[in-house]
Amino acid sequence: MRIAIVDDEETERILLNQLLDDWADRNQLSISCDCFASGDRFLASSSSRQYDIVFMDIYMNEADGIETATRLRQADPECCLIFLTSSREHMPKAFPCHAFDYLLKPLEKAQLWRTLSDFLRICSQKQPYVNLPLGKQTVPVLYSHLEYVFADSNYCVIQAQEQYRCRIPFGKIKSLLAEDERFCTINRGILVNLDYVDSMEDLVCLMKNGVSFPMNTKKNAELKQTLITYRFNIRRKKLSRR
């Protein structure tokens, strides 16, 4: 799980980071926290990264949290936005940004953990995810973040926002994702998310991040048609929402 902390006070960033680490350890979750001292620095980074949760201080010396959150929402309408504020008087200005919650400073561990637990519960209800075993930890990964999976001996390499190498049979991953139209097995031990496929040409499946995989020769035409049909259905769904 990737988390961003946007706050111009270093002590506040350190405190929140520690509370998040404690929460992740308690729940056996793997998280990655990026800290930013200004909204501009965060926006420059978030253009190339996606975050599951963004903690945003409302009052900052440069671009304030409301302005930063408004620009964030234009690029990412779905991430979980949690505002940090020292006073309730700023909260009405933040309503149009569709925040998940508002936490008052100084942060209290119980309050923060309750919000994070609510996020996990609601997120799991809204979006399907898979639990990946990593040693003694279990890492939840949303289907929408999962780019591809390939077998590596008795392990599977799973590329999402981070790359994981898990001791899990490829057949089990394939079975878990079988009912989701986004996922397609293109060769023995290779499964891709069609949302992340750039092209399928000359028996090569090229992913948007530049990684390529060999396609099954006998199923080449069938696989290419699967991609074409999937993209057509996505466009049709988008048009129907207008």
Protein backbone atom coordinates (compact mmCIF):
# COMPACT_ATOMS: atom_id res chain seq x y z
CA MET A 1 0.00 0.00 0.00
CA ARG A 2 1.47 3.34 -1.05
CA ILE A 3 0.81 6.37 1.17
CA ALA A 4 1.72 10.05 0.79
CA ILE A 5 2.07 12.53 3.66
CA VAL A 6 1.88 16.20 2.65
CA ASP A 7 2.70 18.52 5.54
CA ASP A 8 5.14 21.43 5.81
CA GLU A 9 5.96 20.61 9.44
CA GLU A 10 8.68 18.00 9.73
CA THR A 11 7.71 16.91 13.25
CA GLU A 12 4.16 16.20 12.06
CA ARG A 13 5.43 14.15 9.11
CA ILE A 14 7.69 12.09 11.38
CA LEU A 15 4.91 11.48 13.91
CA LEU A 16 2.38 10.37 11.30
CA ASN A 17 4.93 8.15 9.57
CA GLN A 18 5.68 6.39 12.86
CA LEU A 19 1.98 5.92 13.65
CA LEU A 20 1.45 4.43 10.19
CA ASP A 21 4.38 2.04 10.63
CA ASP A 22 2.96 0.90 13.98
CA TRP A 23 -0.46 0.35 12.42
CA ALA A 24 1.02 -1.63 9.51
CA ASP A 25 3.04 -3.83 11.87
CA ARG A 26 0.00 -4.50 14.02
CA ASN A 27 -2.08 -5.50 10.99
CA GLN A 28 0.76 -7.34 9.19
CA LEU A 29 0.53 -5.04 6.19
CA SER A 30 3.26 -3.79 3.89
CA ILE A 31 3.18 -0.02 3.33
CA SER A 32 5.40 2.53 1.65
CA CYS A 33 5.27 6.16 2.83
CA ASP A 34 6.49 9.16 0.84
CA CYS A 35 6.71 12.49 2.68
CA PHE A 36 6.42 15.92 1.07
CA ALA A 37 7.05 19.31 2.64
CA SER A 38 4.84 21.18 0.15
CA GLY A 39 1.89 20.63 -2.13
CA ASP A 40 3.92 21.52 -5.22
CA ARG A 41 6.50 18.83 -4.48
CA PHE A 42 3.76 16.30 -3.95
CA LEU A 43 1.98 17.15 -7.21
CA ALA A 44 5.24 16.94 -9.14
CA SER A 45 5.79 13.43 -7.77
CA SER A 46 2.19 12.20 -8.00
CA SER A 47 2.16 12.82 -11.76
CA SER A 48 4.30 9.69 -12.09
CA ARG A 49 3.02 7.80 -9.02
CA GLN A 50 -0.34 6.75 -7.71
CA TYR A 51 -1.17 6.62 -4.02
CA ASP A 52 -3.79 4.60 -2.19
CA ILE A 53 -4.01 7.15 0.64
CA VAL A 54 -2.97 10.80 0.75
CA PHE A 55 -2.75 12.62 4.09
CA MET A 56 -3.02 16.34 3.34
CA ASP A 57 -2.40 19.17 5.80
CA ILE A 58 -4.99 21.87 5.10
CA TYR A 59 -2.91 24.84 6.18
CA MET A 60 0.57 25.10 4.63
CA ASN A 61 2.78 28.10 4.00
CA GLU A 62 3.03 27.63 0.23
CA ALA A 63 0.14 26.12 -1.77
CA ASP A 64 -2.42 25.18 0.88
CA GLY A 65 -3.93 21.74 1.20
CA ILE A 66 -7.27 22.72 -0.36
CA GLU A 67 -5.61 24.00 -3.52
CA THR A 68 -3.32 20.97 -3.69
CA ALA A 69 -6.19 18.53 -3.11
CA THR A 70 -8.28 20.21 -5.82
CA ARG A 71 -5.48 19.68 -8.34
CA LEU A 72 -4.99 16.12 -7.10
CA ARG A 73 -8.66 15.32 -7.66
CA GLN A 74 -8.39 16.43 -11.29
CA ALA A 75 -5.71 13.80 -11.86
CA ASP A 76 -6.88 11.11 -9.44
CA PRO A 77 -10.56 11.17 -8.43
CA GLU A 78 -10.42 7.83 -6.60
CA CYS A 79 -7.55 7.91 -4.10
CA CYS A 80 -8.41 8.09 -0.40
CA LEU A 81 -7.86 11.70 0.70
CA ILE A 82 -7.56 12.38 4.42
CA PHE A 83 -7.21 15.98 5.56
CA LEU A 84 -5.14 16.99 8.57
CA THR A 85 -6.21 20.19 10.30
CA SER A 86 -5.50 22.06 13.51
CA SER A 87 -8.95 23.66 13.49
CA ARG A 88 -12.44 22.57 12.46
CA GLU A 89 -13.07 26.00 10.87
CA HIS A 90 -11.14 24.95 7.75
CA MET A 91 -13.19 21.82 7.15
CA PRO A 92 -16.09 23.35 5.14
CA LYS A 93 -13.63 24.58 2.50
CA ALA A 94 -12.45 21.01 2.05
CA PHE A 95 -15.86 19.42 1.42
CA PRO A 96 -15.76 19.79 -2.42
CA CYS A 97 -12.57 17.68 -2.48
CA HIS A 98 -14.56 14.63 -1.31
CA ALA A 99 -12.25 13.71 1.53
CA PHE A 100 -12.54 10.34 3.23
CA ASP A 101 -12.00 11.88 6.68
CA TYR A 102 -10.70 14.89 8.61
CA LEU A 103 -8.23 14.32 11.44
CA LEU A 104 -7.56 16.99 14.03
CA LYS A 105 -4.04 17.76 15.18
CA PRO A 106 -2.38 16.75 17.37
CA LEU A 107 -3.04 13.31 15.95
CA GLU A 108 -4.28 10.61 18.27
CA LYS A 109 -3.34 7.02 17.53
CA ALA A 110 -6.83 5.66 18.23
CA GLN A 111 -8.45 8.18 15.90
CA LEU A 112 -5.97 7.49 13.09
CA TRP A 113 -6.21 3.71 13.40
CA ARG A 114 -10.01 3.86 13.36
CA THR A 115 -9.94 5.84 10.11
CA LEU A 116 -7.47 3.42 8.52
CA SER A 117 -9.57 0.43 9.57
CA ASP A 118 -12.63 2.07 8.00
CA PHE A 119 -10.65 2.63 4.80
CA LEU A 120 -9.60 -1.02 4.59
CA ARG A 121 -13.16 -2.23 5.17
CA ILE A 122 -14.74 0.09 2.62
CA CYS A 123 -11.95 -0.42 0.08
CA SER A 124 -12.31 -4.18 0.24
CA GLN A 125 -16.05 -3.84 -0.33
CA LYS A 126 -15.68 -1.53 -3.32
CA GLN A 127 -12.75 -3.11 -5.14
CA PRO A 128 -11.62 -6.73 -5.38
CA TYR A 129 -8.16 -7.51 -4.08
CA VAL A 130 -5.85 -10.46 -3.56
CA ASN A 131 -3.88 -11.22 -0.40
CA LEU A 132 -0.27 -12.06 -1.21
CA PRO A 133 1.76 -14.11 1.31
CA LEU A 134 5.15 -12.51 2.00
CA GLY A 135 6.83 -14.46 4.77
CA LYS A 136 4.90 -13.76 7.95
CA GLN A 137 3.07 -10.83 6.38
CA THR A 138 0.05 -10.68 4.09
CA VAL A 139 -0.04 -7.87 1.56
CA PRO A 140 -3.41 -6.87 0.03
CA VAL A 141 -3.12 -5.83 -3.62
CA LEU A 142 -6.04 -4.40 -5.57
CA TYR A 143 -6.83 -6.08 -8.88
CA SER A 144 -6.68 -2.66 -10.49
CA HIS A 145 -3.03 -2.29 -9.41
CA LEU A 146 -1.96 -5.74 -10.58
CA GLU A 147 -0.17 -5.42 -13.94
CA TYR A 148 1.10 -8.93 -14.63
CA VAL A 149 2.08 -12.23 -13.03
CA PHE A 150 4.61 -14.80 -14.17
CA ALA A 151 5.72 -18.09 -12.69
CA ASP A 152 9.28 -18.40 -11.40
CA SER A 153 10.02 -21.94 -10.23
CA ASN A 154 7.89 -22.48 -7.11
CA TYR A 155 7.20 -18.74 -6.85
CA CYS A 156 5.21 -16.11 -8.68
CA VAL A 157 6.48 -12.64 -9.52
CA ILE A 158 3.64 -10.16 -9.22
CA GLN A 159 4.02 -6.64 -10.59
CA ALA A 160 1.75 -4.05 -9.00
CA GLN A 161 2.71 -0.64 -7.60
CA GLU A 162 5.63 -2.64 -6.23
CA GLN A 163 7.03 -5.98 -7.35
CA TYR A 164 6.50 -9.02 -5.13
CA ARG A 165 7.95 -12.52 -5.27
CA CYS A 166 5.58 -14.84 -3.46
CA ARG A 167 5.63 -18.54 -2.75
CA ILE A 168 2.26 -19.22 -4.30
CA PRO A 169 1.31 -21.52 -7.21
CA PHE A 170 0.64 -19.78 -10.52
CA GLY A 171 -2.52 -21.86 -10.86
CA LYS A 172 -3.92 -20.39 -7.65
CA ILE A 173 -3.36 -16.78 -8.83
CA LYS A 174 -4.89 -17.66 -12.20
CA SER A 175 -7.92 -19.21 -10.52
CA LEU A 176 -8.45 -16.16 -8.26
CA LEU A 177 -8.45 -13.80 -11.24
CA ALA A 178 -10.35 -16.05 -13.64
CA GLU A 179 -13.71 -14.26 -13.28
CA ASP A 180 -12.27 -10.79 -13.96
CA GLU A 181 -12.28 -9.84 -17.64
CA ARG A 182 -9.16 -7.70 -17.24
CA PHE A 183 -6.89 -10.70 -16.82
CA CYS A 184 -5.68 -12.91 -19.62
CA THR A 185 -3.21 -15.82 -19.68
CA ILE A 186 -1.06 -15.21 -22.76
CA ASN A 187 1.34 -18.12 -22.36
CA ARG A 188 2.27 -20.89 -19.98
CA GLY A 189 2.86 -19.26 -16.59
CA ILE A 190 2.25 -15.70 -17.82
CA LEU A 191 -0.86 -13.66 -17.00
CA VAL A 192 -1.41 -9.98 -17.83
CA ASN A 193 -3.90 -7.25 -16.95
CA LEU A 194 -5.23 -5.96 -20.28
CA ASP A 195 -5.47 -2.44 -18.85
CA TYR A 196 -1.66 -2.36 -18.79
CA VAL A 197 -1.06 -3.90 -22.24
CA ASP A 198 0.31 -1.56 -24.89
CA SER A 199 0.13 -3.94 -27.86
CA MET A 200 0.09 -7.54 -29.02
CA GLU A 201 2.07 -7.84 -32.23
CA ASP A 202 4.45 -10.39 -33.75
CA LEU A 203 3.85 -12.89 -30.94
CA VAL A 204 4.98 -10.32 -28.36
CA CYS A 205 2.82 -8.79 -25.65
CA LEU A 206 4.26 -5.36 -24.85
CA MET A 207 3.26 -3.83 -21.52
CA LYS A 208 2.93 -0.07 -21.03
CA ASN A 209 5.96 -0.07 -18.70
CA GLY A 210 8.16 -1.50 -21.46
CA VAL A 211 8.25 -5.11 -20.26
CA SER A 212 7.46 -7.69 -22.95
CA PHE A 213 6.33 -11.32 -22.87
CA PRO A 214 6.16 -14.06 -25.52
CA MET A 215 2.64 -15.01 -26.56
CA ASN A 216 1.34 -18.52 -27.18
CA THR A 217 1.87 -19.20 -30.88
CA LYS A 218 -1.24 -21.32 -31.37
CA LYS A 219 -3.47 -18.83 -29.54
CA ASN A 220 -1.99 -15.68 -31.07
CA ALA A 221 -5.07 -14.68 -33.07
CA GLU A 222 -7.41 -15.52 -30.17
CA LEU A 223 -5.36 -13.42 -27.73
CA LYS A 224 -5.27 -10.42 -30.05
CA GLN A 225 -9.04 -10.65 -30.49
CA THR A 226 -9.46 -10.80 -26.70
CA LEU A 227 -7.58 -7.50 -26.38
CA ILE A 228 -9.61 -5.87 -29.17
CA THR A 229 -12.92 -6.99 -27.64
CA TYR A 230 -11.89 -5.86 -24.17
CA ARG A 231 -10.92 -2.38 -25.37
CA PHE A 232 -14.15 -2.07 -27.34
CA ASN A 233 -16.20 -2.96 -24.26
CA ILE A 234 -14.30 -0.39 -22.17
CA ARG A 235 -15.03 2.36 -24.71
CA ARG A 236 -18.68 1.34 -24.87
CA LYS A 237 -19.02 1.52 -21.07
CA LYS A 238 -17.43 4.97 -21.01
CA LEU A 239 -19.79 6.26 -23.67
CA SER A 240 -22.82 4.87 -21.86
CA ARG A 241 -21.93 6.92 -18.76
CA ARG A 242 -22.01 10.24 -20.62
